[in-house]
Structures are given as structure tokens and as C-alpha cells.
Amino acid sequence: MKDKAPEERAASDNPHEVWTGRATNRAQWLLACAGAACLALGIELAVDSMWTSGIAPLVMSVVGCIAVGLLMLFGTLAFVHVAVKVDKDYLEVRCGHLGLPRRLIPLSQVVGADFAPAVTPRQWGGWGYRWRPEKGTAVVVRRGEGLVVSLGDGHKFTVTVDNAEAAVRAIRARLGRMGNAG
């Protein structure tokens, strides 16, 4: 890890400071556009279709296009970016523009925090909210640096976030203070 910058030192040394970070994946917008196109195709088929082969194939096509479009659109928009916040009591992870899915981890359940220099979607099986039995849970919105939090129950939680080293320092400083208070 690099030396602390003066402003980062102040943020991690002050228990009332809040550390925030985020990560963005602009490539997800392409998938969202493809989902919007599928949705538009389904609507177009429903409104202006002259299928002569019967109603069942038309309904199946409309429902299929709309369902695929909505799944792609909302599934990708939920993971266009992630916002991470570390305050004196919690680590909060919010995904997408609506902040859903959201994970709130009390720092009292955290036993350690580590910096991961290279987290990739391939390691986790893709983008999004992921779970792997041997690795734990992750929120992966892009490849790059990430924060790995070890929980008291033996599980791990990984999140890709810019400036993850500062997040690690902030969490460790708060854990050190919690250990000293007890």
C-alpha cells in the first residue's frame, strides 16, 4: 500500500469521518441499450403486428421480447455502478441508480479488511452480485482493485471500488478503535 495522503490520514483517524468510494462500468450501458431494443421490439410486435400464423406465436414473441428486454435493462442498470460508504458503525454497499441491491454490514461483524489489486468478473463468474462457495459474496461492476472484508462468521465480502486501499485503511482504523474501546 502507498503512504497515506494528509487528507486520507485525517479521514481514517477521525471516527466521525465518512469514507465514500464508487466504481463505474460504462460497458454495461451497451447491454442496457440491447435490453431497451428487445423491449421496444416486443412493444412494436404487440402494437403493429400482422401475424397470420395465429395468436399463440404472436403472444409468445411479445412476452418473450418484453421479458428479455426488462431483465437485460434492469439487470444491467442495477450494476452500472456501485457506491461504498464506511462510517463509524457500518460498511454500506449500494448498487445502481436506485441503490438496490443494498448490503449493510455492521463493523462489529467485521474482523478484517484487505486490498485486492485485481478483481475480475471472470474470477466471480460475471458482473453483478455474485456468490461462490469457496470465495464468498461479491459485488463486481468492473475489473480492477477491490475491497475484501472478512466477517466474523468466516464469510468474505468483496466489492470492486476505486481507491480500495483508502477503504481498507478506514475500516482498519475503525476496527482498531473498536478493539481499544472493548
Protein backbone atom coordinates (compact mmCIF):
# COMPACT_ATOMS: atom_id res chain seq x y z
CA MET A 1 0.00 0.00 0.00
CA LYS A 2 1.05 3.57 -0.62
CA ASP A 3 1.76 6.17 2.05
CA LYS A 4 -1.26 8.00 3.32
CA ALA A 5 -2.02 11.39 1.86
CA PRO A 6 -2.69 14.07 4.53
CA GLU A 7 -6.43 14.19 3.76
CA GLU A 8 -6.71 10.37 3.88
CA ARG A 9 -4.90 10.30 7.22
CA ALA A 10 -7.40 12.77 8.63
CA ALA A 11 -10.33 10.76 7.29
CA SER A 12 -9.14 7.47 8.78
CA ASP A 13 -8.03 8.96 12.10
CA ASN A 14 -11.30 10.79 12.78
CA PRO A 15 -14.02 8.35 13.94
CA HIS A 16 -16.77 10.71 12.74
CA GLU A 17 -15.43 10.95 9.16
CA VAL A 18 -17.21 9.00 6.46
CA TRP A 19 -15.23 7.35 3.65
CA THR A 20 -17.03 7.04 0.34
CA GLY A 21 -16.00 5.48 -2.93
CA ARG A 22 -17.53 4.21 -6.12
CA ALA A 23 -16.79 2.25 -9.25
CA THR A 24 -18.43 2.51 -12.64
CA ASN A 25 -18.68 0.27 -15.69
CA ARG A 26 -19.70 2.18 -18.79
CA ALA A 27 -19.81 -1.04 -20.86
CA GLN A 28 -22.96 -2.04 -19.00
CA TRP A 29 -24.77 0.76 -20.86
CA LEU A 30 -24.35 -1.22 -24.09
CA LEU A 31 -26.15 -4.18 -22.55
CA ALA A 32 -28.84 -1.85 -21.22
CA CYS A 33 -29.34 -0.49 -24.75
CA ALA A 34 -29.71 -4.04 -26.08
CA GLY A 35 -32.34 -4.67 -23.40
CA ALA A 36 -34.18 -1.48 -24.38
CA ALA A 37 -34.11 -2.64 -28.02
CA CYS A 38 -35.65 -6.02 -27.07
CA LEU A 39 -38.31 -4.22 -25.03
CA ALA A 40 -39.07 -1.89 -27.96
CA LEU A 41 -39.31 -4.86 -30.33
CA GLY A 42 -41.80 -6.56 -28.02
CA ILE A 43 -43.92 -3.42 -27.86
CA GLU A 44 -43.71 -2.97 -31.63
CA LEU A 45 -44.83 -6.57 -32.17
CA ALA A 46 -47.76 -6.10 -29.78
CA VAL A 47 -48.95 -2.84 -31.31
CA ASP A 48 -48.34 -3.23 -35.02
CA SER A 49 -48.24 -6.89 -35.96
CA MET A 50 -49.92 -8.65 -38.84
CA TRP A 51 -49.02 -12.24 -38.00
CA THR A 52 -51.07 -14.68 -40.00
CA SER A 53 -49.85 -17.81 -38.24
CA GLY A 54 -52.07 -17.36 -35.19
CA ILE A 55 -52.28 -15.58 -31.87
CA ALA A 56 -50.18 -18.03 -29.81
CA PRO A 57 -46.88 -17.37 -31.66
CA LEU A 58 -47.53 -13.63 -31.50
CA VAL A 59 -48.19 -13.69 -27.74
CA MET A 60 -45.12 -15.84 -27.13
CA SER A 61 -42.95 -13.48 -29.17
CA VAL A 62 -44.30 -10.35 -27.47
CA VAL A 63 -44.00 -11.76 -23.96
CA GLY A 64 -40.54 -13.18 -24.69
CA CYS A 65 -39.17 -9.92 -26.10
CA ILE A 66 -40.63 -7.82 -23.29
CA ALA A 67 -39.39 -10.22 -20.59
CA VAL A 68 -35.87 -10.44 -22.04
CA GLY A 69 -35.79 -6.67 -22.54
CA LEU A 70 -36.84 -5.91 -18.96
CA LEU A 71 -34.41 -8.46 -17.49
CA MET A 72 -31.50 -7.10 -19.54
CA LEU A 73 -32.41 -3.46 -18.95
CA PHE A 74 -32.92 -3.60 -15.20
CA GLY A 75 -30.34 -6.33 -14.62
CA THR A 76 -27.61 -4.24 -16.21
CA LEU A 77 -28.70 -0.84 -14.88
CA ALA A 78 -28.55 -2.24 -11.35
CA PHE A 79 -24.82 -2.84 -11.80
CA VAL A 80 -23.67 0.15 -13.84
CA HIS A 81 -22.02 1.49 -10.71
CA VAL A 82 -21.53 0.73 -7.05
CA ALA A 83 -21.26 3.16 -4.15
CA VAL A 84 -19.43 2.18 -0.95
CA LYS A 85 -19.64 4.08 2.33
CA VAL A 86 -17.72 3.42 5.53
CA ASP A 87 -18.89 5.33 8.58
CA LYS A 88 -18.21 4.77 12.27
CA ASP A 89 -20.62 1.83 12.53
CA TYR A 90 -21.29 0.33 9.10
CA LEU A 91 -19.96 -0.62 5.69
CA GLU A 92 -22.71 0.11 3.17
CA VAL A 93 -22.71 -1.05 -0.47
CA ARG A 94 -25.37 0.27 -2.85
CA CYS A 95 -25.69 -0.74 -6.49
CA GLY A 96 -27.09 1.14 -9.46
CA HIS A 97 -29.14 4.30 -9.59
CA LEU A 98 -31.76 3.10 -7.15
CA GLY A 99 -29.24 1.78 -4.65
CA LEU A 100 -30.57 -1.76 -4.98
CA PRO A 101 -29.39 -4.31 -4.15
CA ARG A 102 -28.01 -2.87 -0.94
CA ARG A 103 -25.81 -4.54 1.66
CA LEU A 104 -25.28 -3.06 5.11
CA ILE A 105 -22.55 -4.73 7.18
CA PRO A 106 -22.10 -3.65 10.81
CA LEU A 107 -18.41 -3.08 11.52
CA SER A 108 -18.91 -5.07 14.72
CA GLN A 109 -19.19 -8.16 12.46
CA VAL A 110 -16.01 -7.33 10.52
CA VAL A 111 -12.76 -8.97 11.63
CA GLY A 112 -10.51 -7.76 8.83
CA ALA A 113 -10.19 -5.81 5.60
CA ASP A 114 -7.78 -6.46 2.75
CA PHE A 115 -6.88 -4.82 -0.53
CA ALA A 116 -7.35 -6.91 -3.69
CA PRO A 117 -5.30 -5.39 -6.54
CA ALA A 118 -7.04 -7.30 -9.33
CA VAL A 119 -10.65 -8.43 -9.07
CA THR A 120 -12.10 -9.62 -12.37
CA PRO A 121 -15.59 -10.67 -13.47
CA ARG A 122 -14.02 -13.94 -14.68
CA GLN A 123 -13.00 -14.83 -11.09
CA TRP A 124 -16.59 -14.42 -9.96
CA GLY A 125 -18.49 -15.71 -12.99
CA GLY A 126 -19.55 -12.34 -14.38
CA TRP A 127 -20.68 -8.89 -13.37
CA GLY A 128 -23.20 -8.22 -10.65
CA TYR A 129 -23.95 -9.59 -7.21
CA ARG A 130 -22.15 -12.93 -7.04
CA TRP A 131 -21.70 -15.85 -4.66
CA ARG A 132 -19.13 -18.62 -4.85
CA PRO A 133 -18.86 -21.20 -2.06
CA GLU A 134 -15.07 -21.09 -1.88
CA LYS A 135 -14.78 -17.28 -2.15
CA GLY A 136 -17.85 -15.75 -0.51
CA THR A 137 -20.03 -12.96 -1.85
CA ALA A 138 -19.05 -10.12 -4.17
CA VAL A 139 -20.35 -7.08 -5.99
CA VAL A 140 -18.36 -6.84 -9.23
CA VAL A 141 -19.09 -3.94 -11.58
CA ARG A 142 -15.71 -3.79 -13.34
CA ARG A 143 -12.26 -5.33 -13.29
CA GLY A 144 -9.66 -3.70 -11.08
CA GLU A 145 -8.94 -3.04 -7.45
CA GLY A 146 -11.32 -4.11 -4.75
CA LEU A 147 -12.01 -4.33 -1.05
CA VAL A 148 -12.23 -7.74 0.67
CA VAL A 149 -13.92 -7.76 4.07
CA SER A 150 -13.61 -10.79 6.37
CA LEU A 151 -16.63 -11.32 8.57
CA GLY A 152 -16.77 -12.90 11.99
CA ASP A 153 -18.82 -15.86 10.72
CA GLY A 154 -15.97 -16.87 8.39
CA HIS A 155 -17.52 -15.44 5.22
CA LYS A 156 -15.88 -12.89 2.94
CA PHE A 157 -17.42 -9.99 1.05
CA THR A 158 -15.63 -8.44 -1.93
CA VAL A 159 -16.57 -5.25 -3.76
CA THR A 160 -14.84 -3.53 -6.66
CA VAL A 161 -14.34 0.12 -5.76
CA ASP A 162 -11.93 2.87 -6.76
CA ASN A 163 -9.30 3.74 -4.14
CA ALA A 164 -9.89 0.49 -2.27
CA GLU A 165 -6.67 0.98 -0.30
CA ALA A 166 -8.18 4.03 1.41
CA ALA A 167 -11.28 1.98 2.26
CA VAL A 168 -9.08 -0.69 3.82
CA ARG A 169 -7.30 1.94 5.92
CA ALA A 170 -10.60 3.49 7.04
CA ILE A 171 -12.04 0.11 8.07
CA ARG A 172 -8.86 -0.97 9.84
CA ALA A 173 -8.72 2.33 11.74
CA ARG A 174 -12.30 1.89 12.90
CA LEU A 175 -11.68 -1.74 13.84
CA GLY A 176 -8.62 -0.67 15.84
CA ARG A 177 -10.71 1.87 17.73
CA MET A 178 -13.45 -0.70 18.39
CA GLY A 179 -10.81 -3.10 19.75
CA ASN A 180 -9.39 -0.41 22.02
CA ALA A 181 -12.84 0.53 23.32
CA GLY A 182 -13.61 -3.02 24.49
